[in-house]
Amino acid sequence: MTAIYKNLRVAAYARLADLRARANQFNAKRPPSEHRTWRELRYSTFRNAGALGQGFNDKTPVWYSHAEGEQFRNERDAHDVIRLRHTGWFTDGEWQNELAIGIVAGLPHGRFIAGYRLTMNDERVYFPGVFTDESDAARMADEHARVIGEQESEQANKQSAAEKLSSEIEDAFTRLRECIALRHKACMSYVRDEISELVEAIRDKRKTLRTDYADCEV
């Protein structure tokens, strides 16, 4: 099975969920003394966990790492380089617990590159543009963080809506089964219309789930 957590085209929350699921599968086959966290599994299983890998953000080539901590010397958060009104951009939609934070990495000869880090999974992404002014790099880093934060939040909210819709379908099925169980009871005449409404609602919600939320995991 392909490790989707290495695919930057997949939303970060989905990649993290995949890695956690892998850890659960790993632990289910082993005694507690051999259990590993998703971080430990990442480090021991995938070669790029502790080194920079190359990929693409849309069509832009980037370098990324899933290891904890800095990948370059003199790496700083954007808000530590320039004055900002925030310390990062939310990536988890309505929950607002996780951030994308702009980062500036120092290169030799007074040069800098910009990127971002995600608090949810320790991921760091670096973009290829080189700056001679650290403040310019910090502003670009914050912009990179803003863009990925908005993208991740949009997908997180969409995932939440898909899960809510799926729950509503399950509730409707539960009620439908309850109504059908009354088919030989005298009260059936009172729930016949409800059955029709439930069937129609389930059909409509399942269609919406297939079309509007096709890229969500439910």
N, C-alpha and C. Protein backbone atom coordinates (compact mmCIF):
# COMPACT_ATOMS: atom_id res chain seq x y z
N MET A 1 0.84 -1.19 0.00
CA MET A 1 0.00 0.00 0.00
C MET A 1 0.88 1.25 0.00
N THR A 2 0.59 2.18 -0.88
CA THR A 2 1.38 3.41 -0.98
C THR A 2 1.18 4.27 0.26
N ALA A 3 2.26 4.84 0.72
CA ALA A 3 2.19 5.71 1.90
C ALA A 3 1.69 7.08 1.46
N ILE A 4 0.42 7.35 1.69
CA ILE A 4 -0.12 8.63 1.20
C ILE A 4 0.43 9.80 2.00
N TYR A 5 1.02 9.55 3.18
CA TYR A 5 1.48 10.68 3.98
C TYR A 5 2.65 11.37 3.29
N LYS A 6 3.30 10.72 2.33
CA LYS A 6 4.40 11.35 1.60
C LYS A 6 3.89 12.13 0.39
N ASN A 7 2.62 12.04 0.09
CA ASN A 7 2.04 12.70 -1.08
C ASN A 7 1.50 14.07 -0.67
N LEU A 8 2.19 15.14 -1.02
CA LEU A 8 1.79 16.47 -0.59
C LEU A 8 0.51 16.94 -1.27
N ARG A 9 0.04 16.22 -2.26
CA ARG A 9 -1.22 16.58 -2.90
C ARG A 9 -2.42 16.18 -2.04
N VAL A 10 -2.19 15.32 -1.07
CA VAL A 10 -3.25 14.87 -0.15
C VAL A 10 -3.23 15.78 1.07
N ALA A 11 -4.41 16.14 1.56
CA ALA A 11 -4.51 17.03 2.72
C ALA A 11 -3.73 16.46 3.90
N ALA A 12 -3.12 17.35 4.69
CA ALA A 12 -2.26 16.92 5.79
C ALA A 12 -3.02 16.09 6.81
N TYR A 13 -4.28 16.46 7.12
CA TYR A 13 -5.04 15.71 8.12
C TYR A 13 -5.27 14.29 7.64
N ALA A 14 -5.48 14.10 6.31
CA ALA A 14 -5.72 12.77 5.76
C ALA A 14 -4.44 11.95 5.79
N ARG A 15 -3.29 12.59 5.54
CA ARG A 15 -2.02 11.88 5.60
C ARG A 15 -1.70 11.47 7.02
N LEU A 16 -2.03 12.34 7.97
CA LEU A 16 -1.80 12.01 9.38
C LEU A 16 -2.72 10.87 9.81
N ALA A 17 -3.97 10.91 9.37
CA ALA A 17 -4.91 9.83 9.70
C ALA A 17 -4.43 8.50 9.13
N ASP A 18 -3.87 8.54 7.92
CA ASP A 18 -3.33 7.32 7.30
C ASP A 18 -2.19 6.76 8.14
N LEU A 19 -1.30 7.63 8.60
CA LEU A 19 -0.17 7.17 9.39
C LEU A 19 -0.62 6.61 10.73
N ARG A 20 -1.60 7.25 11.35
CA ARG A 20 -2.12 6.74 12.62
C ARG A 20 -2.80 5.38 12.42
N ALA A 21 -3.50 5.22 11.31
CA ALA A 21 -4.14 3.93 11.01
C ALA A 21 -3.09 2.85 10.82
N ARG A 22 -1.97 3.20 10.18
CA ARG A 22 -0.88 2.24 10.01
C ARG A 22 -0.30 1.82 11.36
N ALA A 23 -0.18 2.80 12.26
CA ALA A 23 0.32 2.49 13.59
C ALA A 23 -0.63 1.55 14.33
N ASN A 24 -1.93 1.79 14.19
CA ASN A 24 -2.92 0.91 14.84
C ASN A 24 -2.84 -0.50 14.29
N GLN A 25 -2.67 -0.61 12.96
CA GLN A 25 -2.56 -1.93 12.33
C GLN A 25 -1.28 -2.63 12.80
N PHE A 26 -0.21 -1.87 12.89
CA PHE A 26 1.06 -2.41 13.35
C PHE A 26 0.94 -2.93 14.78
N ASN A 27 0.34 -2.14 15.65
CA ASN A 27 0.23 -2.49 17.06
C ASN A 27 -0.74 -3.64 17.30
N ALA A 28 -1.76 -3.77 16.45
CA ALA A 28 -2.76 -4.82 16.63
C ALA A 28 -2.16 -6.21 16.49
N LYS A 29 -1.02 -6.31 15.82
CA LYS A 29 -0.40 -7.61 15.57
C LYS A 29 0.75 -7.91 16.53
N ARG A 30 0.97 -7.00 17.50
CA ARG A 30 2.13 -7.14 18.37
C ARG A 30 1.75 -6.94 19.83
N PRO A 31 2.55 -7.50 20.73
CA PRO A 31 2.28 -7.29 22.17
C PRO A 31 2.54 -5.85 22.55
N PRO A 32 1.96 -5.39 23.66
CA PRO A 32 2.11 -3.98 24.07
C PRO A 32 3.56 -3.53 24.17
N SER A 33 4.47 -4.42 24.54
CA SER A 33 5.88 -4.03 24.68
C SER A 33 6.50 -3.62 23.35
N GLU A 34 5.88 -4.01 22.23
CA GLU A 34 6.43 -3.70 20.90
C GLU A 34 5.62 -2.63 20.18
N HIS A 35 4.65 -2.03 20.87
CA HIS A 35 3.82 -1.02 20.23
C HIS A 35 4.64 0.24 19.91
N ARG A 36 4.23 0.93 18.83
CA ARG A 36 4.90 2.15 18.42
C ARG A 36 3.87 3.24 18.15
N THR A 37 4.27 4.47 18.36
CA THR A 37 3.42 5.60 18.01
C THR A 37 3.53 5.86 16.51
N TRP A 38 2.66 6.74 16.00
CA TRP A 38 2.72 7.04 14.56
C TRP A 38 4.04 7.71 14.21
N ARG A 39 4.60 8.49 15.14
CA ARG A 39 5.89 9.13 14.89
C ARG A 39 7.01 8.08 14.79
N GLU A 40 7.00 7.12 15.71
CA GLU A 40 8.02 6.08 15.69
C GLU A 40 7.91 5.22 14.45
N LEU A 41 6.68 4.94 14.04
CA LEU A 41 6.48 4.14 12.84
C LEU A 41 6.97 4.89 11.61
N ARG A 42 6.74 6.18 11.59
CA ARG A 42 7.19 7.00 10.46
C ARG A 42 8.71 6.95 10.35
N TYR A 43 9.39 7.12 11.45
CA TYR A 43 10.86 7.15 11.43
C TYR A 43 11.45 5.80 11.04
N SER A 44 10.84 4.71 11.50
CA SER A 44 11.44 3.40 11.28
C SER A 44 11.04 2.77 9.95
N THR A 45 10.00 3.32 9.31
CA THR A 45 9.46 2.67 8.13
C THR A 45 9.83 3.35 6.82
N PHE A 46 9.83 4.68 6.82
CA PHE A 46 9.98 5.40 5.56
C PHE A 46 11.32 6.13 5.50
N ARG A 47 12.02 5.98 4.40
CA ARG A 47 13.38 6.50 4.28
C ARG A 47 13.46 8.02 4.42
N ASN A 48 12.45 8.72 3.94
CA ASN A 48 12.54 10.18 3.95
C ASN A 48 12.08 10.80 5.25
N ALA A 49 11.83 9.99 6.27
CA ALA A 49 11.33 10.54 7.53
C ALA A 49 12.36 11.47 8.17
N GLY A 50 13.63 11.15 8.01
CA GLY A 50 14.65 11.95 8.67
C GLY A 50 15.50 12.75 7.72
N ALA A 51 15.07 12.93 6.49
CA ALA A 51 15.86 13.67 5.51
C ALA A 51 14.93 14.44 4.58
N LEU A 52 15.51 15.33 3.82
CA LEU A 52 14.72 16.11 2.87
C LEU A 52 14.38 15.27 1.66
N GLY A 53 13.12 15.33 1.27
CA GLY A 53 12.68 14.70 0.03
C GLY A 53 12.24 15.78 -0.94
N GLN A 54 12.16 15.44 -2.22
CA GLN A 54 11.74 16.42 -3.21
C GLN A 54 10.38 16.04 -3.75
N GLY A 55 9.51 17.03 -3.88
CA GLY A 55 8.17 16.80 -4.40
C GLY A 55 7.65 18.05 -5.07
N PHE A 56 6.33 18.15 -5.17
CA PHE A 56 5.72 19.29 -5.83
C PHE A 56 4.56 19.83 -5.01
N ASN A 57 4.43 21.13 -4.95
CA ASN A 57 3.27 21.80 -4.39
C ASN A 57 2.55 22.43 -5.56
N ASP A 58 1.44 21.84 -5.98
CA ASP A 58 0.85 22.11 -7.29
C ASP A 58 1.92 21.78 -8.33
N LYS A 59 2.41 22.76 -9.08
CA LYS A 59 3.45 22.49 -10.07
C LYS A 59 4.81 23.04 -9.64
N THR A 60 4.86 23.57 -8.43
CA THR A 60 6.11 24.15 -7.92
C THR A 60 6.94 23.08 -7.22
N PRO A 61 8.20 22.90 -7.62
CA PRO A 61 9.05 21.93 -6.92
C PRO A 61 9.35 22.42 -5.51
N VAL A 62 9.28 21.53 -4.56
CA VAL A 62 9.56 21.87 -3.16
C VAL A 62 10.41 20.77 -2.55
N TRP A 63 10.97 21.08 -1.37
CA TRP A 63 11.66 20.09 -0.58
C TRP A 63 10.90 19.96 0.74
N TYR A 64 10.79 18.75 1.23
CA TYR A 64 9.98 18.55 2.43
C TYR A 64 10.63 17.53 3.36
N SER A 65 10.23 17.59 4.61
CA SER A 65 10.73 16.66 5.60
C SER A 65 9.63 16.35 6.60
N HIS A 66 9.58 15.10 7.05
CA HIS A 66 8.62 14.69 8.08
C HIS A 66 9.31 14.47 9.42
N ALA A 67 10.59 14.83 9.49
CA ALA A 67 11.32 14.71 10.76
C ALA A 67 11.01 15.90 11.65
N GLU A 68 11.11 15.71 12.95
CA GLU A 68 10.91 16.81 13.87
C GLU A 68 12.13 17.74 13.87
N GLY A 69 11.88 19.02 13.97
CA GLY A 69 12.97 19.97 14.12
C GLY A 69 13.47 20.56 12.82
N GLU A 70 14.42 21.46 12.96
CA GLU A 70 14.94 22.20 11.82
C GLU A 70 15.73 21.31 10.87
N GLN A 71 15.66 21.64 9.59
CA GLN A 71 16.42 20.94 8.58
C GLN A 71 17.59 21.78 8.06
N PHE A 72 17.60 23.06 8.41
CA PHE A 72 18.69 23.96 8.05
C PHE A 72 19.17 24.67 9.31
N ARG A 73 20.41 25.12 9.28
CA ARG A 73 20.90 25.92 10.39
C ARG A 73 20.25 27.30 10.39
N ASN A 74 20.14 27.88 11.55
CA ASN A 74 19.59 29.24 11.68
C ASN A 74 18.18 29.36 11.12
N GLU A 75 17.39 28.33 11.35
CA GLU A 75 16.00 28.37 10.88
C GLU A 75 15.14 29.08 11.91
N ARG A 76 14.27 29.98 11.45
CA ARG A 76 13.45 30.77 12.36
C ARG A 76 12.02 30.85 11.83
N ASP A 77 11.07 30.99 12.76
CA ASP A 77 9.68 31.23 12.37
C ASP A 77 9.56 32.65 11.83
N ALA A 78 8.66 32.83 10.89
CA ALA A 78 8.50 34.14 10.25
C ALA A 78 8.17 35.23 11.26
N HIS A 79 7.33 34.91 12.25
CA HIS A 79 6.93 35.94 13.22
C HIS A 79 8.06 36.30 14.18
N ASP A 80 9.16 35.51 14.17
CA ASP A 80 10.33 35.89 14.95
C ASP A 80 11.29 36.76 14.13
N VAL A 81 11.07 36.82 12.83
CA VAL A 81 11.92 37.62 11.95
C VAL A 81 11.32 39.00 11.73
N ILE A 82 10.01 39.04 11.48
CA ILE A 82 9.31 40.31 11.25
C ILE A 82 8.10 40.38 12.17
N ARG A 83 7.59 41.57 12.37
CA ARG A 83 6.42 41.74 13.22
C ARG A 83 5.16 41.33 12.46
N LEU A 84 4.45 40.36 13.01
CA LEU A 84 3.19 39.91 12.45
C LEU A 84 2.11 39.97 13.52
N ARG A 85 0.87 40.01 13.09
CA ARG A 85 -0.24 40.05 14.05
C ARG A 85 -0.70 38.66 14.46
N HIS A 86 0.06 37.67 14.08
CA HIS A 86 -0.32 36.29 14.39
C HIS A 86 0.95 35.45 14.46
N THR A 87 0.81 34.22 14.89
CA THR A 87 1.95 33.30 14.94
C THR A 87 1.73 32.10 14.03
N GLY A 88 0.75 32.19 13.15
CA GLY A 88 0.50 31.10 12.22
C GLY A 88 -0.93 31.15 11.71
N TRP A 89 -1.23 30.26 10.76
CA TRP A 89 -2.55 30.19 10.13
C TRP A 89 -3.16 28.84 10.43
N PHE A 90 -4.42 28.85 10.88
CA PHE A 90 -5.09 27.61 11.24
C PHE A 90 -5.22 26.68 10.03
N THR A 91 -5.00 25.40 10.28
CA THR A 91 -5.10 24.40 9.22
C THR A 91 -6.24 23.42 9.44
N ASP A 92 -6.92 23.50 10.58
CA ASP A 92 -7.92 22.48 10.92
C ASP A 92 -9.34 23.06 10.98
N GLY A 93 -9.59 24.09 10.17
CA GLY A 93 -10.94 24.60 10.04
C GLY A 93 -11.53 25.12 11.33
N GLU A 94 -12.74 24.70 11.62
CA GLU A 94 -13.50 25.25 12.74
C GLU A 94 -12.89 24.93 14.10
N TRP A 95 -12.02 23.92 14.19
CA TRP A 95 -11.45 23.55 15.49
C TRP A 95 -10.38 24.53 15.93
N GLN A 96 -9.60 25.03 15.00
CA GLN A 96 -8.59 26.06 15.26
C GLN A 96 -7.62 25.66 16.38
N ASN A 97 -7.03 24.48 16.21
CA ASN A 97 -6.01 24.00 17.15
C ASN A 97 -4.64 23.87 16.50
N GLU A 98 -4.60 23.61 15.19
CA GLU A 98 -3.34 23.36 14.50
C GLU A 98 -3.00 24.52 13.57
N LEU A 99 -1.69 24.71 13.36
CA LEU A 99 -1.23 25.87 12.60
C LEU A 99 -0.28 25.50 11.48
N ALA A 100 -0.27 26.34 10.45
CA ALA A 100 0.81 26.40 9.47
C ALA A 100 1.61 27.65 9.80
N ILE A 101 2.89 27.50 10.04
CA ILE A 101 3.74 28.60 10.47
C ILE A 101 4.84 28.84 9.44
N GLY A 102 4.97 30.05 8.99
CA GLY A 102 6.02 30.38 8.04
C GLY A 102 7.40 30.21 8.67
N ILE A 103 8.34 29.68 7.89
CA ILE A 103 9.70 29.49 8.39
C ILE A 103 10.71 30.04 7.38
N VAL A 104 11.81 30.54 7.92
CA VAL A 104 12.91 31.07 7.11
C VAL A 104 14.16 30.27 7.44
N ALA A 105 14.78 29.71 6.42
CA ALA A 105 16.00 28.92 6.62
C ALA A 105 17.19 29.69 6.07
N GLY A 106 18.24 29.77 6.87
CA GLY A 106 19.44 30.47 6.45
C GLY A 106 20.34 29.59 5.60
N LEU A 107 20.88 30.17 4.53
CA LEU A 107 21.84 29.50 3.66
C LEU A 107 23.18 30.24 3.76
N PRO A 108 24.24 29.66 3.25
CA PRO A 108 25.53 30.37 3.27
C PRO A 108 25.49 31.69 2.49
N HIS A 109 26.40 32.58 2.83
CA HIS A 109 26.59 33.84 2.11
C HIS A 109 25.38 34.77 2.21
N GLY A 110 24.72 34.76 3.35
CA GLY A 110 23.63 35.69 3.58
C GLY A 110 22.41 35.51 2.70
N ARG A 111 22.12 34.27 2.37
CA ARG A 111 20.93 33.97 1.57
C ARG A 111 19.92 33.19 2.41
N PHE A 112 18.65 33.23 1.98
CA PHE A 112 17.57 32.61 2.75
C PHE A 112 16.55 31.97 1.82
N ILE A 113 15.87 30.95 2.33
CA ILE A 113 14.73 30.37 1.63
C ILE A 113 13.52 30.39 2.55
N ALA A 114 12.35 30.36 1.96
CA ALA A 114 11.10 30.44 2.72
C ALA A 114 10.33 29.13 2.64
N GLY A 115 9.56 28.86 3.67
CA GLY A 115 8.73 27.66 3.68
C GLY A 115 7.72 27.74 4.80
N TYR A 116 7.20 26.61 5.21
CA TYR A 116 6.25 26.56 6.32
C TYR A 116 6.40 25.23 7.05
N ARG A 117 5.92 25.20 8.27
CA ARG A 117 5.85 23.96 9.04
C ARG A 117 4.43 23.78 9.56
N LEU A 118 4.01 22.54 9.69
CA LEU A 118 2.68 22.21 10.19
C LEU A 118 2.80 21.64 11.59
N THR A 119 2.04 22.19 12.52
CA THR A 119 2.12 21.70 13.90
C THR A 119 1.47 20.34 14.07
N MET A 120 0.56 19.97 13.18
CA MET A 120 -0.18 18.73 13.37
C MET A 120 0.67 17.48 13.15
N ASN A 121 1.70 17.58 12.30
CA ASN A 121 2.47 16.38 11.98
C ASN A 121 3.97 16.64 11.81
N ASP A 122 4.42 17.81 12.23
CA ASP A 122 5.84 18.16 12.18
C ASP A 122 6.38 18.31 10.76
N GLU A 123 5.51 18.35 9.79
CA GLU A 123 5.96 18.45 8.40
C GLU A 123 6.52 19.84 8.10
N ARG A 124 7.60 19.87 7.32
CA ARG A 124 8.21 21.12 6.88
C ARG A 124 8.34 21.09 5.37
N VAL A 125 7.99 22.21 4.75
CA VAL A 125 8.09 22.34 3.29
C VAL A 125 8.88 23.60 2.98
N TYR A 126 9.85 23.46 2.08
CA TYR A 126 10.71 24.58 1.70
C TYR A 126 10.57 24.84 0.20
N PHE A 127 10.46 26.12 -0.17
CA PHE A 127 10.28 26.50 -1.56
C PHE A 127 11.61 26.96 -2.15
N PRO A 128 11.76 26.89 -3.47
CA PRO A 128 13.08 27.09 -4.09
C PRO A 128 13.55 28.53 -4.22
N GLY A 129 12.71 29.53 -4.07
CA GLY A 129 13.15 30.91 -4.23
C GLY A 129 14.20 31.30 -3.20
N VAL A 130 15.25 31.98 -3.63
CA VAL A 130 16.34 32.40 -2.75
C VAL A 130 16.26 33.91 -2.54
N PHE A 131 16.41 34.34 -1.27
CA PHE A 131 16.32 35.76 -0.90
C PHE A 131 17.65 36.21 -0.29
N THR A 132 17.95 37.46 -0.52
CA THR A 132 19.14 38.05 0.12
C THR A 132 18.76 38.89 1.34
N ASP A 133 17.45 39.07 1.55
CA ASP A 133 16.96 39.81 2.71
C ASP A 133 16.08 38.88 3.54
N GLU A 134 16.41 38.70 4.81
CA GLU A 134 15.67 37.77 5.66
C GLU A 134 14.22 38.21 5.86
N SER A 135 13.99 39.52 5.89
CA SER A 135 12.62 40.01 6.07
C SER A 135 11.75 39.67 4.86
N ASP A 136 12.31 39.79 3.66
CA ASP A 136 11.57 39.41 2.46
C ASP A 136 11.24 37.92 2.49
N ALA A 137 12.19 37.12 2.91
CA ALA A 137 11.96 35.68 3.02
C ALA A 137 10.86 35.39 4.04
N ALA A 138 10.84 36.14 5.13
CA ALA A 138 9.84 35.94 6.17
C ALA A 138 8.45 36.27 5.67
N ARG A 139 8.34 37.36 4.90
CA ARG A 139 7.03 37.72 4.36
C ARG A 139 6.54 36.66 3.37
N MET A 140 7.45 36.14 2.55
CA MET A 140 7.04 35.08 1.63
C MET A 140 6.69 33.80 2.39
N ALA A 141 7.44 33.51 3.44
CA ALA A 141 7.15 32.32 4.25
C ALA A 141 5.76 32.41 4.86
N ASP A 142 5.41 33.59 5.37
CA ASP A 142 4.08 33.78 5.94
C ASP A 142 3.00 33.61 4.88
N GLU A 143 3.29 34.05 3.66
CA GLU A 143 2.32 33.88 2.57
C GLU A 143 2.17 32.40 2.22
N HIS A 144 3.27 31.66 2.18
CA HIS A 144 3.17 30.22 1.94
C HIS A 144 2.32 29.56 3.03
N ALA A 145 2.53 29.97 4.27
CA ALA A 145 1.77 29.40 5.38
C ALA A 145 0.29 29.76 5.26
N ARG A 146 0.01 30.99 4.85
CA ARG A 146 -1.39 31.41 4.69
C ARG A 146 -2.09 30.56 3.64
N VAL A 147 -1.43 30.36 2.51
CA VAL A 147 -2.04 29.60 1.41
C VAL A 147 -2.34 28.16 1.84
N ILE A 148 -1.34 27.49 2.43
CA ILE A 148 -1.57 26.10 2.83
C ILE A 148 -2.57 26.03 3.97
N GLY A 149 -2.56 27.03 4.85
CA GLY A 149 -3.52 27.05 5.95
C GLY A 149 -4.95 27.13 5.45
N GLU A 150 -5.19 28.00 4.47
CA GLU A 150 -6.53 28.13 3.92
C GLU A 150 -6.95 26.86 3.18
N GLN A 151 -6.02 26.27 2.45
CA GLN A 151 -6.34 25.03 1.74
C GLN A 151 -6.67 23.91 2.70
N GLU A 152 -5.85 23.76 3.72
CA GLU A 152 -6.08 22.69 4.70
C GLU A 152 -7.37 22.91 5.49
N SER A 153 -7.64 24.17 5.86
CA SER A 153 -8.86 24.47 6.61
C SER A 153 -10.11 24.20 5.78
N GLU A 154 -10.04 24.57 4.51
CA GLU A 154 -11.18 24.32 3.63
C GLU A 154 -11.46 22.82 3.53
N GLN A 155 -10.40 22.04 3.38
CA GLN A 155 -10.59 20.60 3.28
C GLN A 155 -11.04 20.00 4.60
N ALA A 156 -10.52 20.53 5.71
CA ALA A 156 -10.93 20.03 7.03
C ALA A 156 -12.41 20.30 7.28
N ASN A 157 -12.88 21.48 6.91
CA ASN A 157 -14.30 21.80 7.06
C ASN A 157 -15.15 20.92 6.16
N LYS A 158 -14.64 20.66 4.96
CA LYS A 158 -15.37 19.79 4.03
C LYS A 158 -15.45 18.38 4.58
N GLN A 159 -14.35 17.90 5.15
CA GLN A 159 -14.35 16.57 5.75
C GLN A 159 -15.34 16.50 6.91
N SER A 160 -15.39 17.55 7.72
CA SER A 160 -16.32 17.58 8.85
C SER A 160 -17.76 17.53 8.36
N ALA A 161 -18.05 18.28 7.30
CA ALA A 161 -19.40 18.28 6.74
C ALA A 161 -19.76 16.90 6.18
N ALA A 162 -18.78 16.25 5.55
CA ALA A 162 -19.03 14.91 5.00
C ALA A 162 -19.32 13.91 6.11
N GLU A 163 -18.57 14.01 7.20
CA GLU A 163 -18.79 13.10 8.33
C GLU A 163 -20.15 13.34 8.97
N LYS A 164 -20.56 14.61 9.05
CA LYS A 164 -21.88 14.93 9.60
C LYS A 164 -22.98 14.36 8.71
N LEU A 165 -22.81 14.49 7.39
CA LEU A 165 -23.79 13.97 6.46
C LEU A 165 -23.87 12.45 6.55
N SER A 166 -22.72 11.80 6.67
CA SER A 166 -22.69 10.35 6.82
C SER A 166 -23.41 9.92 8.09
N SER A 167 -23.22 10.68 9.17
CA SER A 167 -23.90 10.37 10.44
C SER A 167 -25.41 10.52 10.30
N GLU A 168 -25.82 11.55 9.56
CA GLU A 168 -27.25 11.76 9.34
C GLU A 168 -27.86 10.60 8.55
N ILE A 169 -27.10 10.07 7.60
CA ILE A 169 -27.57 8.91 6.82
C ILE A 169 -27.74 7.70 7.73
N GLU A 170 -26.75 7.48 8.61
CA GLU A 170 -26.84 6.35 9.54
C GLU A 170 -28.04 6.50 10.47
N ASP A 171 -28.27 7.71 10.94
CA ASP A 171 -29.43 7.95 11.82
C ASP A 171 -30.73 7.69 11.07
N ALA A 172 -30.77 8.11 9.81
CA ALA A 172 -31.98 7.89 9.01
C ALA A 172 -32.22 6.40 8.79
N PHE A 173 -31.13 5.65 8.54
CA PHE A 173 -31.26 4.20 8.37
C PHE A 173 -31.76 3.54 9.66
N THR A 174 -31.25 4.01 10.80
CA THR A 174 -31.70 3.46 12.08
C THR A 174 -33.19 3.68 12.28
N ARG A 175 -33.63 4.91 11.99
CA ARG A 175 -35.05 5.21 12.13
C ARG A 175 -35.88 4.43 11.11
N LEU A 176 -35.35 4.25 9.91
CA LEU A 176 -36.06 3.49 8.88
C LEU A 176 -36.27 2.04 9.32
N ARG A 177 -35.24 1.46 9.90
CA ARG A 177 -35.37 0.09 10.39
C ARG A 177 -36.41 0.00 11.51
N GLU A 178 -36.44 1.02 12.37
CA GLU A 178 -37.45 1.04 13.43
C GLU A 178 -38.86 1.11 12.85
N CYS A 179 -39.01 1.93 11.84
CA CYS A 179 -40.35 2.07 11.22
C CYS A 179 -40.78 0.79 10.52
N ILE A 180 -39.84 0.16 9.81
CA ILE A 180 -40.17 -1.07 9.09
C ILE A 180 -40.54 -2.18 10.07
N ALA A 181 -39.92 -2.16 11.25
CA ALA A 181 -40.24 -3.17 12.26
C ALA A 181 -41.69 -3.07 12.74
N LEU A 182 -42.33 -1.94 12.45
CA LEU A 182 -43.72 -1.73 12.88
C LEU A 182 -44.73 -2.12 11.80
N ARG A 183 -44.24 -2.77 10.71
CA ARG A 183 -45.12 -3.01 9.56
C ARG A 183 -46.33 -3.88 9.88
N HIS A 184 -46.24 -4.70 10.93
CA HIS A 184 -47.38 -5.55 11.30
C HIS A 184 -48.16 -4.99 12.48
N LYS A 185 -47.82 -3.76 12.87
CA LYS A 185 -48.49 -3.14 14.00
C LYS A 185 -49.59 -2.20 13.50
N ALA A 186 -50.50 -1.92 14.41
CA ALA A 186 -51.62 -1.04 14.04
C ALA A 186 -51.16 0.37 13.73
N CYS A 187 -50.03 0.77 14.31
CA CYS A 187 -49.54 2.14 14.12
C CYS A 187 -48.85 2.34 12.78
N MET A 188 -48.77 1.29 11.96
CA MET A 188 -48.07 1.40 10.68
C MET A 188 -48.61 2.52 9.82
N SER A 189 -49.91 2.75 9.90
CA SER A 189 -50.51 3.80 9.07
C SER A 189 -49.97 5.18 9.41
N TYR A 190 -49.45 5.32 10.63
CA TYR A 190 -48.94 6.62 11.06
C TYR A 190 -47.48 6.86 10.62
N VAL A 191 -46.78 5.76 10.34
CA VAL A 191 -45.36 5.92 9.99
C VAL A 191 -45.10 5.67 8.50
N ARG A 192 -46.15 5.34 7.76
CA ARG A 192 -45.97 5.04 6.33
C ARG A 192 -45.38 6.24 5.60
N ASP A 193 -45.93 7.43 5.88
CA ASP A 193 -45.39 8.63 5.22
C ASP A 193 -43.95 8.91 5.66
N GLU A 194 -43.65 8.63 6.92
CA GLU A 194 -42.30 8.86 7.41
C GLU A 194 -41.30 7.95 6.69
N ILE A 195 -41.75 6.71 6.41
CA ILE A 195 -40.86 5.79 5.69
C ILE A 195 -40.51 6.35 4.32
N SER A 196 -41.50 6.86 3.62
CA SER A 196 -41.24 7.43 2.30
C SER A 196 -40.29 8.62 2.39
N GLU A 197 -40.49 9.45 3.41
CA GLU A 197 -39.62 10.61 3.59
C GLU A 197 -38.19 10.19 3.93
N LEU A 198 -38.06 9.16 4.75
CA LEU A 198 -36.73 8.67 5.12
C LEU A 198 -36.00 8.11 3.92
N VAL A 199 -36.71 7.33 3.11
CA VAL A 199 -36.08 6.74 1.92
C VAL A 199 -35.61 7.83 0.97
N GLU A 200 -36.44 8.84 0.78
CA GLU A 200 -36.06 9.94 -0.11
C GLU A 200 -34.87 10.72 0.46
N ALA A 201 -34.88 10.96 1.76
CA ALA A 201 -33.79 11.70 2.40
C ALA A 201 -32.47 10.93 2.30
N ILE A 202 -32.53 9.63 2.54
CA ILE A 202 -31.33 8.80 2.43
C ILE A 202 -30.78 8.82 1.02
N ARG A 203 -31.66 8.72 0.04
CA ARG A 203 -31.23 8.74 -1.36
C ARG A 203 -30.55 10.07 -1.71
N ASP A 204 -31.16 11.16 -1.28
CA ASP A 204 -30.61 12.49 -1.60
C ASP A 204 -29.26 12.71 -0.90
N LYS A 205 -29.19 12.32 0.37
CA LYS A 205 -27.95 12.53 1.13
C LYS A 205 -26.81 11.67 0.59
N ARG A 206 -27.12 10.45 0.19
CA ARG A 206 -26.08 9.57 -0.36
C ARG A 206 -25.59 10.11 -1.70
N LYS A 207 -26.48 10.68 -2.48
CA LYS A 207 -26.07 11.29 -3.75
C LYS A 207 -25.15 12.48 -3.50
N THR A 208 -25.52 13.31 -2.52
CA THR A 208 -24.68 14.47 -2.17
C THR A 208 -23.31 14.02 -1.70
N LEU A 209 -23.27 12.95 -0.91
CA LEU A 209 -22.01 12.43 -0.40
C LEU A 209 -21.13 11.94 -1.54
N ARG A 210 -21.74 11.30 -2.55
CA ARG A 210 -20.98 10.78 -3.68
C ARG A 210 -20.45 11.87 -4.58
N THR A 211 -21.20 12.97 -4.70
CA THR A 211 -20.83 14.01 -5.66
C THR A 211 -20.05 15.15 -5.00
N ASP A 212 -20.65 15.81 -4.02
CA ASP A 212 -20.01 16.99 -3.41
C ASP A 212 -18.85 16.64 -2.49
N TYR A 213 -18.82 15.41 -1.96
CA TYR A 213 -17.78 15.04 -1.00
C TYR A 213 -17.03 13.79 -1.43
N ALA A 214 -16.86 13.66 -2.74
CA ALA A 214 -16.22 12.45 -3.28
C ALA A 214 -14.78 12.28 -2.82
N ASP A 215 -14.11 13.39 -2.50
CA ASP A 215 -12.70 13.33 -2.10
C ASP A 215 -12.51 13.22 -0.59
N CYS A 216 -13.59 13.01 0.15
CA CYS A 216 -13.50 12.90 1.60
C CYS A 216 -13.56 11.44 2.05
N GLU A 217 -12.94 11.17 3.20
CA GLU A 217 -12.96 9.84 3.77
C GLU A 217 -14.06 9.76 4.82
N VAL A 218 -15.04 8.89 4.61
CA VAL A 218 -16.10 8.71 5.60
C VAL A 218 -16.38 7.21 5.76
